[in-house]
């Protein structure tokens, strides 16, 4: 039995594109996009993370079953499974940390409207709500309680001044075009447009790149 036979046992449908591979690709793209975008992106709504979590649990159980087996073939398969497991776990942890950092930085912003709240998962929404409540109670006990009641709100938008800090949508991002498309961008002196080619990598303001990403014409890199 050679290495190809062992790998085929670990991935019995290696001649096709298995669902595990598609999910790993989707997770990797979501991770890259979340780390690149200046604002929180919508939580995957297709059950991706539920499948990923189930797969991680199954792989951990398999590793526990195979640990201690001295058969060389089993040991090699165990190394392959453990390496794949660590890759999944790293991507999930890094993805969630990137999202939590954005929620911590702009909690009130993401709780301010239903459209922004819908970007969060149920767990993230509960976390953000509790985080903001604790923060507000801390401010009240520290100094806000001594202010007049009208000045104790943290989301005041009177006098055309919004106290809610929001992400900078003009942050520069890199995008890869997924098809030929027209790319429009705003400049300091004048706006511009160009015929983007499939596979081209461009640097744009996120506010200009977001419509392309939302339509599937481009992806963050």
Protein backbone atom coordinates (compact mmCIF):
# COMPACT_ATOMS: atom_id res chain seq x y z
CA UNK A 1 0.00 0.00 0.00
CA UNK A 2 1.45 3.40 -1.01
CA UNK A 3 0.75 6.92 0.24
CA UNK A 4 -1.98 7.46 -2.38
CA UNK A 5 -3.89 4.46 -1.03
CA UNK A 6 -3.65 5.78 2.55
CA UNK A 7 -4.80 9.26 1.53
CA UNK A 8 -7.65 7.71 -0.43
CA UNK A 9 -8.84 6.00 2.75
CA UNK A 10 -8.80 9.31 4.59
CA UNK A 11 -10.62 10.99 1.68
CA UNK A 12 -12.50 8.20 -0.11
CA UNK A 13 -13.90 10.54 -2.80
CA UNK A 14 -10.62 12.25 -3.67
CA UNK A 15 -11.44 12.10 -7.39
CA UNK A 16 -14.38 14.46 -6.84
CA UNK A 17 -14.75 17.74 -4.92
CA UNK A 18 -16.15 16.63 -1.56
CA UNK A 19 -18.46 18.76 0.56
CA UNK A 20 -15.69 19.05 3.16
CA UNK A 21 -13.43 20.74 0.62
CA UNK A 22 -16.15 23.13 -0.47
CA UNK A 23 -16.87 24.08 3.13
CA UNK A 24 -13.15 24.60 3.82
CA UNK A 25 -12.89 26.86 0.79
CA UNK A 26 -15.95 28.83 1.91
CA UNK A 27 -14.53 29.14 5.43
CA UNK A 28 -11.19 30.36 4.08
CA UNK A 29 -12.86 32.98 1.88
CA UNK A 30 -15.02 34.15 4.79
CA UNK A 31 -11.93 34.41 7.00
CA UNK A 32 -9.96 36.44 4.44
CA UNK A 33 -12.92 38.72 3.75
CA UNK A 34 -13.66 39.35 7.44
CA UNK A 35 -10.04 40.22 8.21
CA UNK A 36 -9.87 42.56 5.20
CA UNK A 37 -13.18 44.44 5.46
CA UNK A 38 -13.32 47.44 7.82
CA UNK A 39 -16.89 46.62 8.87
CA UNK A 40 -18.60 43.48 10.10
CA UNK A 41 -19.76 41.26 7.25
CA UNK A 42 -23.00 39.23 7.41
CA UNK A 43 -22.80 35.96 9.32
CA UNK A 44 -22.95 33.00 6.87
CA UNK A 45 -26.61 32.04 6.62
CA UNK A 46 -26.19 28.70 4.80
CA UNK A 47 -25.34 26.63 7.88
CA UNK A 48 -21.61 26.69 7.08
CA UNK A 49 -20.44 27.03 10.68
CA UNK A 50 -22.88 24.44 11.96
CA UNK A 51 -21.38 21.95 9.49
CA UNK A 52 -17.85 23.04 10.36
CA UNK A 53 -18.49 22.60 14.10
CA UNK A 54 -20.00 19.15 13.56
CA UNK A 55 -17.01 18.17 11.43
CA UNK A 56 -14.55 19.35 14.07
CA UNK A 57 -16.37 17.36 16.76
CA UNK A 58 -16.35 14.24 14.58
CA UNK A 59 -12.66 14.65 13.81
CA UNK A 60 -11.82 15.04 17.50
CA UNK A 61 -13.71 11.84 18.27
CA UNK A 62 -11.87 10.04 15.46
CA UNK A 63 -8.50 11.24 16.74
CA UNK A 64 -9.33 10.00 20.24
CA UNK A 65 -10.29 6.59 18.84
CA UNK A 66 -7.12 6.30 16.75
CA UNK A 67 -4.69 7.53 19.42
CA UNK A 68 -2.55 4.73 20.79
CA UNK A 69 -2.79 2.51 17.71
CA UNK A 70 0.75 1.51 16.73
CA UNK A 71 -0.11 0.44 13.19
CA UNK A 72 2.01 2.61 10.78
CA UNK A 73 -0.89 3.07 8.36
CA UNK A 74 -3.16 4.26 11.17
CA UNK A 75 -0.45 6.56 12.56
CA UNK A 76 0.02 8.26 9.21
CA UNK A 77 -3.72 8.69 8.77
CA UNK A 78 -3.86 10.14 12.29
CA UNK A 79 -1.24 12.75 11.37
CA UNK A 80 -3.24 13.75 8.28
CA UNK A 81 -6.46 14.06 10.30
CA UNK A 82 -4.79 16.05 13.09
CA UNK A 83 -3.21 18.45 10.59
CA UNK A 84 -6.55 19.03 8.89
CA UNK A 85 -8.25 19.45 12.27
CA UNK A 86 -5.76 22.12 13.37
CA UNK A 87 -6.27 23.99 10.10
CA UNK A 88 -10.04 24.08 10.65
CA UNK A 89 -9.65 25.19 14.27
CA UNK A 90 -7.19 27.95 13.40
CA UNK A 91 -9.48 29.38 10.71
CA UNK A 92 -12.54 29.28 12.98
CA UNK A 93 -10.73 30.92 15.91
CA UNK A 94 -9.18 33.64 13.76
CA UNK A 95 -12.49 34.34 12.00
CA UNK A 96 -14.41 34.67 15.25
CA UNK A 97 -11.72 36.85 16.85
CA UNK A 98 -11.84 39.24 13.89
CA UNK A 99 -15.61 39.54 14.25
CA UNK A 100 -15.51 39.98 18.03
CA UNK A 101 -12.89 42.73 17.68
CA UNK A 102 -15.21 44.64 15.33
CA UNK A 103 -18.20 44.13 17.62
CA UNK A 104 -16.21 45.37 20.63
CA UNK A 105 -15.02 48.44 18.71
CA UNK A 106 -18.43 49.50 17.36
CA UNK A 107 -20.99 47.75 19.56
CA UNK A 108 -23.62 50.50 19.52
CA UNK A 109 -23.29 50.84 15.76
CA UNK A 110 -24.15 47.18 15.14
CA UNK A 111 -27.03 47.30 17.62
CA UNK A 112 -28.49 50.54 16.24
CA UNK A 113 -30.62 49.15 13.36
CA UNK A 114 -32.27 45.87 12.41
CA UNK A 115 -30.22 45.71 9.21
CA UNK A 116 -26.95 45.87 11.13
CA UNK A 117 -28.18 43.50 13.86
CA UNK A 118 -29.01 40.94 11.18
CA UNK A 119 -25.30 40.67 10.35
CA UNK A 120 -24.66 39.06 13.75
CA UNK A 121 -25.26 35.46 14.69
CA UNK A 122 -27.56 34.75 17.62
CA UNK A 123 -24.58 34.22 19.93
CA UNK A 124 -22.88 37.39 18.71
CA UNK A 125 -26.06 39.41 19.18
CA UNK A 126 -26.41 38.17 22.75
CA UNK A 127 -22.74 38.96 23.38
CA UNK A 128 -23.00 42.47 21.91
CA UNK A 129 -26.16 43.24 23.91
CA UNK A 130 -24.60 42.06 27.16
CA UNK A 131 -21.32 43.83 26.37
CA UNK A 132 -23.08 47.15 25.79
CA UNK A 133 -25.20 46.77 28.93
CA UNK A 134 -22.12 46.15 31.09
CA UNK A 135 -20.29 49.06 29.49
CA UNK A 136 -23.23 51.43 30.01
CA UNK A 137 -23.63 50.37 33.66
CA UNK A 138 -19.91 50.94 34.19
CA UNK A 139 -20.13 54.44 32.73
CA UNK A 140 -23.20 55.19 34.87
CA UNK A 141 -21.48 54.16 38.07
CA UNK A 142 -18.28 55.99 37.10
CA UNK A 143 -19.48 59.38 35.90
CA UNK A 144 -22.69 59.42 33.81
CA UNK A 145 -24.96 59.31 36.86
CA UNK A 146 -23.75 62.77 37.84
CA UNK A 147 -24.89 64.22 34.49
CA UNK A 148 -28.44 65.46 33.79
CA UNK A 149 -30.69 62.68 32.47
CA UNK A 150 -30.79 64.05 28.87
CA UNK A 151 -26.99 63.83 28.72
CA UNK A 152 -26.68 60.22 29.88
CA UNK A 153 -27.46 58.60 26.52
CA UNK A 154 -24.54 57.09 24.62
CA UNK A 155 -26.37 57.17 21.29
CA UNK A 156 -27.35 60.83 21.16
CA UNK A 157 -27.54 62.26 17.63
CA UNK A 158 -28.72 65.80 18.37
CA UNK A 159 -27.18 68.93 16.82
CA UNK A 160 -26.12 66.87 13.78
CA UNK A 161 -23.47 65.13 15.89
CA UNK A 162 -23.78 61.36 16.16
CA UNK A 163 -22.16 59.90 19.26
CA UNK A 164 -22.21 56.38 17.80
CA UNK A 165 -18.77 55.57 16.43
CA UNK A 166 -18.97 53.70 13.12
CA UNK A 167 -16.42 51.93 10.88
CA UNK A 168 -14.51 53.94 8.30
CA UNK A 169 -16.05 52.82 5.01
CA UNK A 170 -13.36 54.67 3.05
CA UNK A 171 -10.65 52.30 4.27
CA UNK A 172 -8.59 50.91 1.38
CA UNK A 173 -9.03 47.20 0.58
CA UNK A 174 -7.67 44.81 -2.05
CA UNK A 175 -10.15 42.95 -4.22
CA UNK A 176 -9.83 40.31 -6.94
CA UNK A 177 -12.31 40.56 -9.79
CA UNK A 178 -14.18 37.33 -10.47
CA UNK A 179 -15.45 38.40 -13.89
CA UNK A 180 -15.09 41.23 -16.38
CA UNK A 181 -16.99 44.19 -14.98
CA UNK A 182 -17.08 47.97 -14.83
CA UNK A 183 -15.32 49.31 -11.73
CA UNK A 184 -16.34 52.75 -10.50
CA UNK A 185 -14.45 54.62 -7.80
CA UNK A 186 -14.48 58.03 -6.15
CA UNK A 187 -11.36 60.16 -6.17
CA UNK A 188 -10.30 63.28 -4.31
CA UNK A 189 -10.52 65.51 -7.39
CA UNK A 190 -12.76 63.44 -9.66
CA UNK A 191 -14.53 60.09 -9.91
CA UNK A 192 -13.24 57.40 -12.25
CA UNK A 193 -14.27 54.18 -13.97
CA UNK A 194 -12.44 51.40 -15.75
CA UNK A 195 -13.15 48.09 -17.47
CA UNK A 196 -11.97 45.53 -14.93
CA UNK A 197 -10.74 42.18 -16.21
CA UNK A 198 -11.38 38.80 -14.63
CA UNK A 199 -8.58 37.99 -12.17
CA UNK A 200 -7.33 41.57 -11.82
CA UNK A 201 -6.41 42.72 -8.30
CA UNK A 202 -7.37 46.30 -7.45
CA UNK A 203 -7.09 48.58 -4.44
CA UNK A 204 -10.30 50.53 -3.75
CA UNK A 205 -12.15 52.26 -0.99
CA UNK A 206 -14.35 49.73 0.78
CA UNK A 207 -17.39 51.91 -0.03
CA UNK A 208 -16.57 51.45 -3.74
CA UNK A 209 -15.60 47.78 -3.46
CA UNK A 210 -18.61 46.69 -1.37
CA UNK A 211 -21.15 46.78 -4.25
CA UNK A 212 -18.84 44.58 -6.34
CA UNK A 213 -18.38 42.11 -3.47
CA UNK A 214 -22.11 42.04 -2.69
CA UNK A 215 -22.94 41.24 -6.34
CA UNK A 216 -20.30 38.50 -6.50
CA UNK A 217 -18.24 40.38 -9.07
CA UNK A 218 -15.23 40.53 -6.74
CA UNK A 219 -13.81 39.04 -3.55
CA UNK A 220 -11.62 40.50 -0.84
CA UNK A 221 -7.98 39.35 -0.72
